[in-house]
């Protein structure tokens, strides 16, 4: 993050499920000044998540556009899944 922070414009965090008691599994979407920077997951405590600001409708639409423009997640085939364990 330190190496790439200079070019970051904003970071979106979307909770999509409980990872453990008191922690959300979130999708993190960093956006650089020159465009989309990818996505990754991060576990965030519920208390920290609740202190974050809510985005506007316009920002929600922008986030949706980034998701629609990004390649879909393709699940690993069974052989790859076994190797990843």
Protein backbone atom coordinates (compact mmCIF):
# COMPACT_ATOMS: atom_id res chain seq x y z
CA UNK A 1 0.00 0.00 0.00
CA UNK A 2 2.84 2.38 0.85
CA UNK A 3 4.36 1.95 -2.62
CA UNK A 4 1.06 2.76 -4.35
CA UNK A 5 -0.60 5.25 -1.98
CA UNK A 6 0.58 8.31 -3.88
CA UNK A 7 -1.55 7.53 -6.94
CA UNK A 8 -4.69 6.53 -5.01
CA UNK A 9 -7.70 8.76 -5.41
CA UNK A 10 -10.15 6.82 -3.22
CA UNK A 11 -10.82 3.38 -1.78
CA UNK A 12 -14.23 1.70 -1.62
CA UNK A 13 -14.97 -1.03 0.92
CA UNK A 14 -18.01 -3.29 0.50
CA UNK A 15 -18.94 -5.85 3.16
CA UNK A 16 -20.31 -9.07 1.68
CA UNK A 17 -20.47 -11.44 4.63
CA UNK A 18 -19.37 -12.28 8.13
CA UNK A 19 -15.93 -13.90 8.24
CA UNK A 20 -15.96 -14.53 11.96
CA UNK A 21 -17.82 -13.18 14.94
CA UNK A 22 -17.24 -9.43 14.90
CA UNK A 23 -15.56 -9.27 11.47
CA UNK A 24 -16.88 -8.60 7.98
CA UNK A 25 -15.21 -10.02 4.86
CA UNK A 26 -14.97 -6.98 2.56
CA UNK A 27 -14.14 -6.33 -1.06
CA UNK A 28 -11.66 -3.47 -1.32
CA UNK A 29 -11.71 -1.46 -4.54
CA UNK A 30 -8.88 1.06 -4.80
CA UNK A 31 -9.25 3.67 -7.54
CA UNK A 32 -6.15 5.43 -8.82
CA UNK A 33 -6.25 8.89 -10.36
CA UNK A 34 -5.72 7.27 -13.74
CA UNK A 35 -8.38 4.57 -13.26
CA UNK A 36 -9.38 1.32 -11.65
CA UNK A 37 -6.69 -0.46 -9.62
CA UNK A 38 -8.27 -3.90 -9.10
CA UNK A 39 -9.95 -5.53 -6.11
CA UNK A 40 -8.93 -7.63 -3.14
CA UNK A 41 -10.58 -8.95 0.02
CA UNK A 42 -9.89 -7.82 3.56
CA UNK A 43 -11.40 -8.80 6.91
CA UNK A 44 -12.50 -5.72 8.87
CA UNK A 45 -13.91 -5.55 12.37
CA UNK A 46 -17.59 -4.60 12.56
CA UNK A 47 -16.73 -1.67 14.85
CA UNK A 48 -14.24 -0.20 12.36
CA UNK A 49 -16.61 -0.77 9.44
CA UNK A 50 -19.45 1.09 11.19
CA UNK A 51 -17.23 4.16 11.67
CA UNK A 52 -16.65 4.54 7.93
CA UNK A 53 -18.54 7.11 5.92
CA UNK A 54 -21.34 6.13 3.55
CA UNK A 55 -20.91 6.89 -0.12
CA UNK A 56 -23.28 8.97 -2.19
CA UNK A 57 -25.60 7.61 -4.87
CA UNK A 58 -23.25 9.01 -7.53
CA UNK A 59 -20.31 7.19 -5.93
CA UNK A 60 -22.40 4.00 -5.79
CA UNK A 61 -23.04 4.25 -9.52
CA UNK A 62 -19.33 4.82 -10.15
CA UNK A 63 -18.46 1.78 -8.04
CA UNK A 64 -20.98 -0.32 -9.95
CA UNK A 65 -19.40 0.80 -13.23
CA UNK A 66 -15.96 -0.30 -11.95
CA UNK A 67 -17.34 -3.71 -10.99
CA UNK A 68 -19.10 -4.16 -14.33
CA UNK A 69 -15.96 -3.16 -16.20
CA UNK A 70 -13.74 -5.58 -14.28
CA UNK A 71 -13.24 -9.15 -15.42
CA UNK A 72 -15.42 -11.75 -13.69
CA UNK A 73 -13.98 -13.98 -11.01
CA UNK A 74 -13.40 -17.40 -12.50
CA UNK A 75 -13.40 -20.26 -9.99
CA UNK A 76 -10.42 -22.58 -9.84
CA UNK A 77 -10.83 -26.00 -11.40
CA UNK A 78 -10.70 -28.96 -8.93
CA UNK A 79 -7.00 -29.63 -9.61
CA UNK A 80 -6.10 -25.99 -8.91
CA UNK A 81 -8.25 -25.96 -5.78
CA UNK A 82 -6.42 -29.01 -4.43
CA UNK A 83 -3.01 -27.44 -5.14
CA UNK A 84 -4.06 -24.21 -3.39
CA UNK A 85 -4.75 -26.01 -0.11
